[in-house]
Amino acid sequence: MVRPLRIEFSGALYHVISRGNEQRPIVRDDTDRRKRLDWLRRTVETYGWRLHAFVLMGNHEHLFVETPEANLSAGMQYLNGSYTSYFNRRHGRAGHLFQGRFRGHLVEQEGYFLEISRYIHLNPVRARLVRRPEQFPWSSYAGYRQARRSLPWLTYGRVLGEFAQSEEAARRAYVRFVQAGMAEGLSSPFSGAVGGLLVGSAKFVARIQGLLKGRPADHALVDLKRLRARPTIERIVEVVCGHFDCDPAQWSQGTRSDDAARALAAYLARRRCGYPATAVAEVLGYRGPSGVSHAVRRIEAGPESLRTLAAELERTLQ
């Protein structure tokens, strides 16, 4: 049984599944698929994840992700929440898109990269959507087969490094490895997960159980030592207002404002630093999360000069 993930620490490795509510589709056409992958890219970049493999199916998605920081829950909330807002807006619907909290497995760092990446890439074949994995365009497999189709926000080296030092030779060997899996009729690498959650050796399981000792079963184990500092929302406001020479006190709660400074602050806090929309709204004086989302879309759809300025201000915050 695939269980909710509530264990987080720096350097953790996960197999994550997001399913549609009531097994309904999370994508309806290629426009949705492109948008979902764009949000996945943004999440990887914002939260500093190392994404090793993915596949986007009709009513669910698999991710094989490593978190240098203890931020899986924050990143998944950002990914699924942002995409749900887009999906509901585009298709004129309301309510939950995903089936509660994301689920999956915590995986040991050694010994599982090959099997899990292959399992993910063969998902469309097992579902009988295609005969060969390269025929399915909505996965990371194409970038493993051909360097020219690799995505800059994916991490290929950890898997390919298991085969050869030469990247070209490693890609050929990985393709043979995946093809062998088709011929063998693979069993799931998660079938023996301890408690439906932990995938690894007895030593790894004992280590995780030791970390959880004395904690409630659903308590998230969070390593608070961050690998890179994230500026506070207040600091973002300070830098933005310093550039525009404006007073943030004018952004009182509930006021309507087309102030570019406030929109840029919302964009930096939400998109670039990953703060929840509710927290951004509270500090910047928006009536609610929808106001923050509107401000972010304004920057994304506006002149290129606004995004260039946002990048310059972001460098100031580092």
C-alpha atoms as a PDB file:
ATOM      1  CA  MET A   1       0.000   0.000   0.000  1.00  0.00           C
ATOM      2  CA  VAL A   2       1.368   3.430  -0.935  1.00  0.00           C
ATOM      3  CA  ARG A   3       1.266   5.709   2.092  1.00  0.00           C
ATOM      4  CA  PRO A   4       1.388   9.466   2.655  1.00  0.00           C
ATOM      5  CA  LEU A   5       4.952  10.790   2.984  1.00  0.00           C
ATOM      6  CA  ARG A   6       5.615  12.587   6.243  1.00  0.00           C
ATOM      7  CA  ILE A   7       9.345  12.029   6.728  1.00  0.00           C
ATOM      8  CA  GLU A   8      11.636  14.825   5.605  1.00  0.00           C
ATOM      9  CA  PHE A   9      15.348  15.425   6.006  1.00  0.00           C
ATOM     10  CA  SER A  10      18.163  16.930   3.971  1.00  0.00           C
ATOM     11  CA  GLY A  11      19.355  14.611   1.223  1.00  0.00           C
ATOM     12  CA  ALA A  12      16.265  12.373   1.309  1.00  0.00           C
ATOM     13  CA  LEU A  13      15.328  10.391  -1.809  1.00  0.00           C
ATOM     14  CA  TYR A  14      11.683   9.775  -2.692  1.00  0.00           C
ATOM     15  CA  HIS A  15       9.397   8.070  -5.132  1.00  0.00           C
ATOM     16  CA  VAL A  16       6.335  10.363  -5.126  1.00  0.00           C
ATOM     17  CA  ILE A  17       2.875   9.744  -6.595  1.00  0.00           C
ATOM     18  CA  SER A  18       0.190  12.379  -7.107  1.00  0.00           C
ATOM     19  CA  ARG A  19      -3.202  10.908  -8.085  1.00  0.00           C
ATOM     20  CA  GLY A  20      -6.302  12.597  -9.410  1.00  0.00           C
ATOM     21  CA  ASN A  21      -9.214  12.920  -7.006  1.00  0.00           C
ATOM     22  CA  GLU A  22     -11.600   9.960  -7.459  1.00  0.00           C
ATOM     23  CA  GLN A  23      -9.145   8.648 -10.099  1.00  0.00           C
ATOM     24  CA  ARG A  24     -10.114  11.471 -12.443  1.00  0.00           C
ATOM     25  CA  PRO A  25      -7.655  12.941 -14.971  1.00  0.00           C
ATOM     26  CA  ILE A  26      -5.132  15.523 -13.832  1.00  0.00           C
ATOM     27  CA  VAL A  27      -4.479  16.443 -17.488  1.00  0.00           C
ATOM     28  CA  ARG A  28      -7.015  16.598 -20.287  1.00  0.00           C
ATOM     29  CA  ASP A  29      -4.881  17.500 -23.289  1.00  0.00           C
ATOM     30  CA  ASP A  30      -1.353  18.409 -24.335  1.00  0.00           C
ATOM     31  CA  THR A  31      -1.800  22.000 -23.180  1.00  0.00           C
ATOM     32  CA  ASP A  32      -2.386  20.698 -19.665  1.00  0.00           C
ATOM     33  CA  ARG A  33       0.573  18.331 -19.961  1.00  0.00           C
ATOM     34  CA  ARG A  34       2.910  21.132 -21.006  1.00  0.00           C
ATOM     35  CA  LYS A  35       1.657  23.312 -18.180  1.00  0.00           C
ATOM     36  CA  ARG A  36       2.097  20.505 -15.639  1.00  0.00           C
ATOM     37  CA  LEU A  37       5.694  19.974 -16.731  1.00  0.00           C
ATOM     38  CA  ASP A  38       6.308  23.715 -16.628  1.00  0.00           C
ATOM     39  CA  TRP A  39       5.126  23.793 -13.019  1.00  0.00           C
ATOM     40  CA  LEU A  40       7.321  20.800 -12.286  1.00  0.00           C
ATOM     41  CA  ARG A  41      10.297  22.693 -13.718  1.00  0.00           C
ATOM     42  CA  ARG A  42       9.508  25.739 -11.595  1.00  0.00           C
ATOM     43  CA  THR A  43       9.252  23.599  -8.485  1.00  0.00           C
ATOM     44  CA  VAL A  44      12.585  21.883  -9.140  1.00  0.00           C
ATOM     45  CA  GLU A  45      14.272  25.245  -9.667  1.00  0.00           C
ATOM     46  CA  THR A  46      12.590  27.018  -6.749  1.00  0.00           C
ATOM     47  CA  TYR A  47      13.186  24.305  -4.165  1.00  0.00           C
ATOM     48  CA  GLY A  48      16.554  23.108  -5.403  1.00  0.00           C
ATOM     49  CA  TRP A  49      15.371  19.540  -5.995  1.00  0.00           C
ATOM     50  CA  ARG A  50      17.291  16.943  -7.990  1.00  0.00           C
ATOM     51  CA  LEU A  51      14.708  15.268 -10.169  1.00  0.00           C
ATOM     52  CA  HIS A  52      16.013  11.947 -11.492  1.00  0.00           C
ATOM     53  CA  ALA A  53      12.950  10.699 -13.381  1.00  0.00           C
ATOM     54  CA  PHE A  54       9.257  11.416 -13.979  1.00  0.00           C
ATOM     55  CA  VAL A  55       6.281  10.183 -15.923  1.00  0.00           C
ATOM     56  CA  LEU A  56       3.017  12.075 -16.373  1.00  0.00           C
ATOM     57  CA  MET A  57       0.082   9.735 -16.930  1.00  0.00           C
ATOM     58  CA  GLY A  58      -3.569  10.632 -17.437  1.00  0.00           C
ATOM     59  CA  ASN A  59      -4.774  10.507 -13.834  1.00  0.00           C
ATOM     60  CA  HIS A  60      -1.510  10.358 -11.892  1.00  0.00           C
ATOM     61  CA  GLU A  61       2.168  11.246 -11.918  1.00  0.00           C
ATOM     62  CA  HIS A  62       5.362   9.567 -10.671  1.00  0.00           C
ATOM     63  CA  LEU A  63       8.426  11.541  -9.533  1.00  0.00           C
ATOM     64  CA  PHE A  64      11.824  10.223  -8.444  1.00  0.00           C
ATOM     65  CA  VAL A  65      13.207  13.160  -6.530  1.00  0.00           C
ATOM     66  CA  GLU A  66      16.026  13.983  -4.151  1.00  0.00           C
ATOM     67  CA  THR A  67      15.704  16.914  -1.742  1.00  0.00           C
ATOM     68  CA  PRO A  68      19.003  18.566  -0.687  1.00  0.00           C
ATOM     69  CA  GLU A  69      16.859  20.515   1.767  1.00  0.00           C
ATOM     70  CA  ALA A  70      14.053  19.121   3.911  1.00  0.00           C
ATOM     71  CA  ASN A  71      11.338  20.639   1.729  1.00  0.00           C
ATOM     72  CA  LEU A  72       9.378  17.878  -0.009  1.00  0.00           C
ATOM     73  CA  SER A  73       6.021  18.886   1.477  1.00  0.00           C
ATOM     74  CA  ALA A  74       6.537  22.582   0.742  1.00  0.00           C
ATOM     75  CA  GLY A  75       7.543  21.828  -2.843  1.00  0.00           C
ATOM     76  CA  MET A  76       4.649  19.452  -3.474  1.00  0.00           C
ATOM     77  CA  GLN A  77       2.185  21.957  -2.042  1.00  0.00           C
ATOM     78  CA  TYR A  78       3.615  24.568  -4.383  1.00  0.00           C
ATOM     79  CA  LEU A  79       3.509  22.210  -7.387  1.00  0.00           C
ATOM     80  CA  ASN A  80       0.063  20.725  -6.892  1.00  0.00           C
ATOM     81  CA  GLY A  81      -1.551  23.867  -5.525  1.00  0.00           C
ATOM     82  CA  SER A  82      -0.323  26.086  -8.354  1.00  0.00           C
ATOM     83  CA  TYR A  83      -1.255  23.573 -11.027  1.00  0.00           C
ATOM     84  CA  THR A  84      -4.709  23.043  -9.511  1.00  0.00           C
ATOM     85  CA  SER A  85      -5.356  26.805  -9.695  1.00  0.00           C
ATOM     86  CA  TYR A  86      -4.400  26.771 -13.377  1.00  0.00           C
ATOM     87  CA  PHE A  87      -6.438  23.632 -14.135  1.00  0.00           C
ATOM     88  CA  ASN A  88      -9.576  24.877 -12.391  1.00  0.00           C
ATOM     89  CA  ARG A  89      -9.335  28.251 -14.060  1.00  0.00           C
ATOM     90  CA  ARG A  90      -8.832  26.792 -17.539  1.00  0.00           C
ATOM     91  CA  HIS A  91     -11.560  24.169 -17.275  1.00  0.00           C
ATOM     92  CA  GLY A  92     -14.102  26.201 -15.325  1.00  0.00           C
ATOM     93  CA  ARG A  93     -14.156  23.935 -12.297  1.00  0.00           C
ATOM     94  CA  ALA A  94     -13.652  24.253  -8.553  1.00  0.00           C
ATOM     95  CA  GLY A  95     -12.460  22.055  -5.727  1.00  0.00           C
ATOM     96  CA  HIS A  96      -9.721  19.511  -5.243  1.00  0.00           C
ATOM     97  CA  LEU A  97      -7.916  18.097  -8.254  1.00  0.00           C
ATOM     98  CA  PHE A  98      -5.617  15.693  -6.418  1.00  0.00           C
ATOM     99  CA  GLN A  99      -6.473  12.821  -4.106  1.00  0.00           C
ATOM    100  CA  GLY A 100      -5.496  14.324  -0.774  1.00  0.00           C
ATOM    101  CA  ARG A 101      -1.853  14.367   0.218  1.00  0.00           C
ATOM    102  CA  PHE A 102       0.755  13.063  -2.214  1.00  0.00           C
ATOM    103  CA  ARG A 103       1.963   9.552  -1.496  1.00  0.00           C
ATOM    104  CA  GLY A 104       4.994   7.431  -2.144  1.00  0.00           C
ATOM    105  CA  HIS A 105       8.150   5.949  -0.667  1.00  0.00           C
ATOM    106  CA  LEU A 106      11.305   7.016   1.113  1.00  0.00           C
ATOM    107  CA  VAL A 107      14.208   5.311  -0.683  1.00  0.00           C
ATOM    108  CA  GLU A 108      17.751   4.434   0.374  1.00  0.00           C
ATOM    109  CA  GLN A 109      20.413   6.370  -1.522  1.00  0.00           C
ATOM    110  CA  GLU A 110      22.399   3.320  -2.573  1.00  0.00           C
ATOM    111  CA  GLY A 111      21.176   0.516  -4.795  1.00  0.00           C
ATOM    112  CA  TYR A 112      17.811   1.736  -6.102  1.00  0.00           C
ATOM    113  CA  PHE A 113      18.408   4.445  -8.711  1.00  0.00           C
ATOM    114  CA  LEU A 114      18.415   2.066 -11.666  1.00  0.00           C
ATOM    115  CA  GLU A 115      15.406  -0.038 -10.712  1.00  0.00           C
ATOM    116  CA  ILE A 116      13.184   2.874  -9.757  1.00  0.00           C
ATOM    117  CA  SER A 117      14.033   5.004 -12.782  1.00  0.00           C
ATOM    118  CA  ARG A 118      13.354   2.010 -15.057  1.00  0.00           C
ATOM    119  CA  TYR A 119      10.087   1.242 -13.259  1.00  0.00           C
ATOM    120  CA  ILE A 120       8.925   4.840 -13.804  1.00  0.00           C
ATOM    121  CA  HIS A 121       9.912   4.917 -17.470  1.00  0.00           C
ATOM    122  CA  LEU A 122       8.103   1.643 -18.180  1.00  0.00           C
ATOM    123  CA  ASN A 123       4.864   2.834 -16.581  1.00  0.00           C
ATOM    124  CA  PRO A 124       3.226   3.735 -19.939  1.00  0.00           C
ATOM    125  CA  VAL A 125       4.176   0.302 -21.317  1.00  0.00           C
ATOM    126  CA  ARG A 126       2.633  -1.494 -18.344  1.00  0.00           C
ATOM    127  CA  ALA A 127      -0.493   0.625 -18.800  1.00  0.00           C
ATOM    128  CA  ARG A 128      -0.551  -0.449 -22.477  1.00  0.00           C
ATOM    129  CA  LEU A 129      -0.524   3.110 -23.723  1.00  0.00           C
ATOM    130  CA  VAL A 130       2.508   2.395 -25.914  1.00  0.00           C
ATOM    131  CA  ARG A 131       4.562  -0.638 -26.889  1.00  0.00           C
ATOM    132  CA  ARG A 132       7.929   0.991 -26.153  1.00  0.00           C
ATOM    133  CA  PRO A 133       8.766   3.697 -23.603  1.00  0.00           C
ATOM    134  CA  GLU A 134      10.325   6.006 -26.200  1.00  0.00           C
ATOM    135  CA  GLN A 135       6.890   6.284 -27.844  1.00  0.00           C
ATOM    136  CA  PHE A 136       5.511   8.055 -24.772  1.00  0.00           C
ATOM    137  CA  PRO A 137       6.465  11.768 -24.874  1.00  0.00           C
ATOM    138  CA  TRP A 138       5.515  12.747 -21.322  1.00  0.00           C
ATOM    139  CA  SER A 139       8.345  11.215 -19.339  1.00  0.00           C
ATOM    140  CA  SER A 140      12.036  11.791 -18.720  1.00  0.00           C
ATOM    141  CA  TYR A 141      13.039   8.766 -20.803  1.00  0.00           C
ATOM    142  CA  ALA A 142      13.757  10.713 -24.004  1.00  0.00           C
ATOM    143  CA  GLY A 143      16.511  12.657 -22.250  1.00  0.00           C
ATOM    144  CA  TYR A 144      18.096   9.427 -21.089  1.00  0.00           C
ATOM    145  CA  ARG A 145      18.151   8.041 -24.622  1.00  0.00           C
ATOM    146  CA  GLN A 146      19.427  11.149 -26.406  1.00  0.00           C
ATOM    147  CA  ALA A 147      21.458  14.037 -25.015  1.00  0.00           C
ATOM    148  CA  ARG A 148      19.815  16.504 -27.397  1.00  0.00           C
ATOM    149  CA  ARG A 149      16.443  15.787 -25.777  1.00  0.00           C
ATOM    150  CA  SER A 150      17.636  16.166 -22.199  1.00  0.00           C
ATOM    151  CA  LEU A 151      16.020  18.792 -19.976  1.00  0.00           C
ATOM    152  CA  PRO A 152      18.291  21.248 -18.145  1.00  0.00           C
ATOM    153  CA  TRP A 153      16.288  20.913 -14.918  1.00  0.00           C
ATOM    154  CA  LEU A 154      16.629  17.116 -14.691  1.00  0.00           C
ATOM    155  CA  THR A 155      19.506  15.218 -13.105  1.00  0.00           C
ATOM    156  CA  TYR A 156      20.619  12.382 -15.389  1.00  0.00           C
ATOM    157  CA  GLY A 157      24.119  11.803 -14.099  1.00  0.00           C
ATOM    158  CA  ARG A 158      23.281   9.830 -10.970  1.00  0.00           C
ATOM    159  CA  VAL A 159      21.547   7.084 -12.957  1.00  0.00           C
ATOM    160  CA  LEU A 160      23.782   7.132 -16.030  1.00  0.00           C
ATOM    161  CA  GLY A 161      26.875   7.132 -13.854  1.00  0.00           C
ATOM    162  CA  GLU A 162      26.022   3.576 -12.808  1.00  0.00           C
ATOM    163  CA  PHE A 163      26.863   2.331 -16.328  1.00  0.00           C
ATOM    164  CA  ALA A 164      29.913   4.085 -17.734  1.00  0.00           C
ATOM    165  CA  GLN A 165      32.108   7.181 -17.498  1.00  0.00           C
ATOM    166  CA  SER A 166      31.339   8.058 -21.096  1.00  0.00           C
ATOM    167  CA  GLU A 167      27.947   9.729 -21.290  1.00  0.00           C
ATOM    168  CA  GLU A 168      27.230   8.303 -24.734  1.00  0.00           C
ATOM    169  CA  ALA A 169      28.114   4.762 -23.638  1.00  0.00           C
ATOM    170  CA  ALA A 170      26.072   5.188 -20.466  1.00  0.00           C
ATOM    171  CA  ARG A 171      22.994   6.221 -22.442  1.00  0.00           C
ATOM    172  CA  ARG A 172      23.263   3.178 -24.695  1.00  0.00           C
ATOM    173  CA  ALA A 173      23.680   0.903 -21.691  1.00  0.00           C
ATOM    174  CA  TYR A 174      20.681   2.449 -19.940  1.00  0.00           C
ATOM    175  CA  VAL A 175      18.496   1.900 -23.011  1.00  0.00           C
ATOM    176  CA  ARG A 176      19.536  -1.770 -23.021  1.00  0.00           C
ATOM    177  CA  PHE A 177      18.741  -1.948 -19.310  1.00  0.00           C
ATOM    178  CA  VAL A 178      15.224  -0.591 -19.871  1.00  0.00           C
ATOM    179  CA  GLN A 179      14.639  -2.895 -22.831  1.00  0.00           C
ATOM    180  CA  ALA A 180      15.704  -5.861 -20.708  1.00  0.00           C
ATOM    181  CA  GLY A 181      13.079  -4.833 -18.171  1.00  0.00           C
ATOM    182  CA  MET A 182      10.411  -5.034 -20.870  1.00  0.00           C
ATOM    183  CA  ALA A 183      11.470  -8.562 -21.743  1.00  0.00           C
ATOM    184  CA  GLU A 184      11.676  -9.727 -18.137  1.00  0.00           C
ATOM    185  CA  GLY A 185       8.283  -8.481 -16.982  1.00  0.00           C
ATOM    186  CA  LEU A 186       9.475  -6.559 -13.948  1.00  0.00           C
ATOM    187  CA  SER A 187       7.972  -6.742 -10.491  1.00  0.00           C
ATOM    188  CA  SER A 188       7.556  -3.500  -8.575  1.00  0.00           C
ATOM    189  CA  PRO A 189      10.640  -2.353  -6.623  1.00  0.00           C
ATOM    190  CA  PHE A 190       8.182  -1.138  -3.980  1.00  0.00           C
ATOM    191  CA  SER A 191       6.463  -4.462  -3.327  1.00  0.00           C
ATOM    192  CA  GLY A 192       8.618  -5.126  -0.274  1.00  0.00           C
ATOM    193  CA  ALA A 193       8.484  -1.611   1.155  1.00  0.00           C
ATOM    194  CA  VAL A 194       8.559  -1.766   4.967  1.00  0.00           C
ATOM    195  CA  GLY A 195       5.293  -0.414   6.301  1.00  0.00           C
ATOM    196  CA  GLY A 196       4.403   0.443   2.721  1.00  0.00           C
ATOM    197  CA  LEU A 197       6.816   3.362   2.996  1.00  0.00           C
ATOM    198  CA  LEU A 198      10.544   2.515   3.366  1.00  0.00           C
ATOM    199  CA  VAL A 199      12.532   1.022   0.478  1.00  0.00           C
ATOM    200  CA  GLY A 200      16.016  -0.079   1.397  1.00  0.00           C
ATOM    201  CA  SER A 201      18.258  -2.344   3.402  1.00  0.00           C
ATOM    202  CA  ALA A 202      17.638  -3.465   6.968  1.00  0.00           C
ATOM    203  CA  LYS A 203      20.284  -0.958   8.089  1.00  0.00           C
ATOM    204  CA  PHE A 204      18.474   1.887   6.308  1.00  0.00           C
ATOM    205  CA  VAL A 205      15.119   0.869   7.785  1.00  0.00           C
ATOM    206  CA  ALA A 206      16.643   0.711  11.276  1.00  0.00           C
ATOM    207  CA  ARG A 207      18.141   4.181  10.809  1.00  0.00           C
ATOM    208  CA  ILE A 208      14.818   5.720   9.806  1.00  0.00           C
ATOM    209  CA  GLN A 209      12.985   3.926  12.584  1.00  0.00           C
ATOM    210  CA  GLY A 210      15.547   5.326  15.019  1.00  0.00           C
ATOM    211  CA  LEU A 211      14.960   8.838  13.733  1.00  0.00           C
ATOM    212  CA  LEU A 212      11.212   8.400  14.220  1.00  0.00           C
ATOM    213  CA  LYS A 213      11.478   6.860  17.668  1.00  0.00           C
ATOM    214  CA  GLY A 214       9.247   8.635  20.142  1.00  0.00           C
ATOM    215  CA  ARG A 215       7.435  10.635  17.470  1.00  0.00           C
ATOM    216  CA  PRO A 216       3.798  10.256  16.380  1.00  0.00           C
ATOM    217  CA  ALA A 217       3.510   8.006  13.332  1.00  0.00           C
ATOM    218  CA  ASP A 218       2.480  10.874  11.050  1.00  0.00           C
ATOM    219  CA  HIS A 219       4.979  13.423  12.350  1.00  0.00           C
ATOM    220  CA  ALA A 220       7.204  14.924   9.677  1.00  0.00           C
ATOM    221  CA  LEU A 221      10.868  14.521  10.538  1.00  0.00           C
ATOM    222  CA  VAL A 222      12.359  17.837   9.500  1.00  0.00           C
ATOM    223  CA  ASP A 223      16.046  18.685   9.473  1.00  0.00           C
ATOM    224  CA  LEU A 224      15.978  22.418  10.199  1.00  0.00           C
ATOM    225  CA  LYS A 225      19.518  23.010   8.970  1.00  0.00           C
ATOM    226  CA  ARG A 226      18.950  24.535   5.569  1.00  0.00           C
ATOM    227  CA  LEU A 227      21.591  24.292   2.848  1.00  0.00           C
ATOM    228  CA  ARG A 228      20.764  27.704   1.471  1.00  0.00           C
ATOM    229  CA  ALA A 229      19.096  30.554   3.309  1.00  0.00           C
ATOM    230  CA  ARG A 230      15.777  31.791   2.010  1.00  0.00           C
ATOM    231  CA  PRO A 231      15.147  35.519   2.483  1.00  0.00           C
ATOM    232  CA  THR A 232      12.116  36.427   4.562  1.00  0.00           C
ATOM    233  CA  ILE A 233       9.139  38.008   2.850  1.00  0.00           C
ATOM    234  CA  GLU A 234       9.870  41.148   4.853  1.00  0.00           C
ATOM    235  CA  ARG A 235      13.391  41.227   3.413  1.00  0.00           C
ATOM    236  CA  ILE A 236      11.974  40.854  -0.102  1.00  0.00           C
ATOM    237  CA  VAL A 237       9.672  43.817   0.550  1.00  0.00           C
ATOM    238  CA  GLU A 238      12.620  45.851   1.845  1.00  0.00           C
ATOM    239  CA  VAL A 239      14.699  45.232  -1.274  1.00  0.00           C
ATOM    240  CA  VAL A 240      11.828  45.850  -3.704  1.00  0.00           C
ATOM    241  CA  CYS A 241      10.709  49.040  -1.978  1.00  0.00           C
ATOM    242  CA  GLY A 242      14.309  50.220  -1.807  1.00  0.00           C
ATOM    243  CA  HIS A 243      14.518  49.931  -5.581  1.00  0.00           C
ATOM    244  CA  PHE A 244      11.192  51.689  -6.207  1.00  0.00           C
ATOM    245  CA  ASP A 245      11.600  54.160  -3.319  1.00  0.00           C
ATOM    246  CA  CYS A 246       8.105  53.356  -2.076  1.00  0.00           C
ATOM    247  CA  ASP A 247       6.495  52.828   1.322  1.00  0.00           C
ATOM    248  CA  PRO A 248       5.056  49.304   1.885  1.00  0.00           C
ATOM    249  CA  ALA A 249       2.692  50.756   4.476  1.00  0.00           C
ATOM    250  CA  GLN A 250       0.513  51.849   1.560  1.00  0.00           C
ATOM    251  CA  TRP A 251      -0.216  48.167   0.867  1.00  0.00           C
ATOM    252  CA  SER A 252      -2.825  47.989   3.601  1.00  0.00           C
ATOM    253  CA  GLN A 253      -4.967  44.893   3.963  1.00  0.00           C
ATOM    254  CA  GLY A 254      -7.657  44.605   1.317  1.00  0.00           C
ATOM    255  CA  THR A 255      -6.674  47.636  -0.741  1.00  0.00           C
ATOM    256  CA  ARG A 256      -6.773  47.496  -4.503  1.00  0.00           C
ATOM    257  CA  SER A 257      -3.478  48.432  -6.079  1.00  0.00           C
ATOM    258  CA  ASP A 258      -1.809  48.088  -9.459  1.00  0.00           C
ATOM    259  CA  ASP A 259       1.524  48.894  -7.837  1.00  0.00           C
ATOM    260  CA  ALA A 260       4.252  47.125  -9.828  1.00  0.00           C
ATOM    261  CA  ALA A 261       6.445  47.031  -6.726  1.00  0.00           C
ATOM    262  CA  ARG A 262       3.928  44.991  -4.768  1.00  0.00           C
ATOM    263  CA  ALA A 263       3.379  42.648  -7.715  1.00  0.00           C
ATOM    264  CA  LEU A 264       7.140  42.109  -8.040  1.00  0.00           C
ATOM    265  CA  ALA A 265       7.442  41.414  -4.323  1.00  0.00           C
ATOM    266  CA  ALA A 266       4.622  38.864  -4.606  1.00  0.00           C
ATOM    267  CA  TYR A 267       6.311  37.249  -7.617  1.00  0.00           C
ATOM    268  CA  LEU A 268       9.663  36.943  -5.855  1.00  0.00           C
ATOM    269  CA  ALA A 269       8.150  35.595  -2.649  1.00  0.00           C
ATOM    270  CA  ARG A 270       5.814  33.111  -4.313  1.00  0.00           C
ATOM    271  CA  ARG A 271       7.580  31.982  -7.496  1.00  0.00           C
ATOM    272  CA  ARG A 272      11.251  32.403  -6.712  1.00  0.00           C
ATOM    273  CA  CYS A 273      11.294  31.691  -2.957  1.00  0.00           C
ATOM    274  CA  GLY A 274       8.346  29.303  -2.695  1.00  0.00           C
ATOM    275  CA  TYR A 275       6.366  30.948   0.109  1.00  0.00           C
ATOM    276  CA  PRO A 276       2.702  29.908   0.441  1.00  0.00           C
ATOM    277  CA  ALA A 277       0.279  32.359  -1.167  1.00  0.00           C
ATOM    278  CA  THR A 278      -1.521  32.842   2.167  1.00  0.00           C
ATOM    279  CA  ALA A 279       1.698  33.990   3.847  1.00  0.00           C
ATOM    280  CA  VAL A 280       2.525  36.331   0.960  1.00  0.00           C
ATOM    281  CA  ALA A 281      -0.979  37.803   1.047  1.00  0.00           C
ATOM    282  CA  GLU A 282      -0.728  38.503   4.777  1.00  0.00           C
ATOM    283  CA  VAL A 283       2.564  40.385   4.533  1.00  0.00           C
ATOM    284  CA  LEU A 284       1.812  42.266   1.306  1.00  0.00           C
ATOM    285  CA  GLY A 285      -1.735  43.234   2.182  1.00  0.00           C
ATOM    286  CA  TYR A 286      -3.635  41.187  -0.395  1.00  0.00           C
ATOM    287  CA  ARG A 287      -7.128  40.078   0.528  1.00  0.00           C
ATOM    288  CA  GLY A 288      -6.254  36.464  -0.047  1.00  0.00           C
ATOM    289  CA  PRO A 289      -4.222  33.955  -2.071  1.00  0.00           C
ATOM    290  CA  SER A 290      -6.094  34.781  -5.279  1.00  0.00           C
ATOM    291  CA  GLY A 291      -4.733  38.332  -5.159  1.00  0.00           C
ATOM    292  CA  VAL A 292      -1.209  36.965  -4.939  1.00  0.00           C
ATOM    293  CA  SER A 293      -1.841  34.601  -7.864  1.00  0.00           C
ATOM    294  CA  HIS A 294      -3.172  37.501  -9.941  1.00  0.00           C
ATOM    295  CA  ALA A 295      -0.064  39.566  -9.167  1.00  0.00           C
ATOM    296  CA  VAL A 296       2.247  36.714 -10.113  1.00  0.00           C
ATOM    297  CA  ARG A 297       0.433  36.171 -13.424  1.00  0.00           C
ATOM    298  CA  ARG A 298       0.739  39.877 -14.095  1.00  0.00           C
ATOM    299  CA  ILE A 299       4.538  39.670 -13.873  1.00  0.00           C
ATOM    300  CA  GLU A 300       4.712  36.448 -15.889  1.00  0.00           C
ATOM    301  CA  ALA A 301       2.492  37.829 -18.672  1.00  0.00           C
ATOM    302  CA  GLY A 302       3.886  41.355 -18.569  1.00  0.00           C
ATOM    303  CA  PRO A 303       6.852  42.958 -20.308  1.00  0.00           C
ATOM    304  CA  GLU A 304      10.159  41.123 -20.282  1.00  0.00           C
ATOM    305  CA  SER A 305      11.656  44.120 -18.479  1.00  0.00           C
ATOM    306  CA  LEU A 306       9.673  43.221 -15.342  1.00  0.00           C
ATOM    307  CA  ARG A 307      11.086  39.699 -15.225  1.00  0.00           C
ATOM    308  CA  THR A 308      14.580  41.045 -15.897  1.00  0.00           C
ATOM    309  CA  LEU A 309      14.170  43.413 -12.962  1.00  0.00           C
ATOM    310  CA  ALA A 310      12.879  40.558 -10.821  1.00  0.00           C
ATOM    311  CA  ALA A 311      16.039  38.558 -11.627  1.00  0.00           C
ATOM    312  CA  GLU A 312      18.228  41.533 -10.667  1.00  0.00           C
ATOM    313  CA  LEU A 313      16.406  41.984  -7.365  1.00  0.00           C
ATOM    314  CA  GLU A 314      16.651  38.254  -6.677  1.00  0.00           C
ATOM    315  CA  ARG A 315      20.430  38.431  -7.016  1.00  0.00           C
ATOM    316  CA  THR A 316      20.417  41.244  -4.474  1.00  0.00           C
ATOM    317  CA  LEU A 317      18.589  38.973  -2.035  1.00  0.00           C
ATOM    318  CA  GLN A 318      21.203  36.198  -2.252  1.00  0.00           C
END
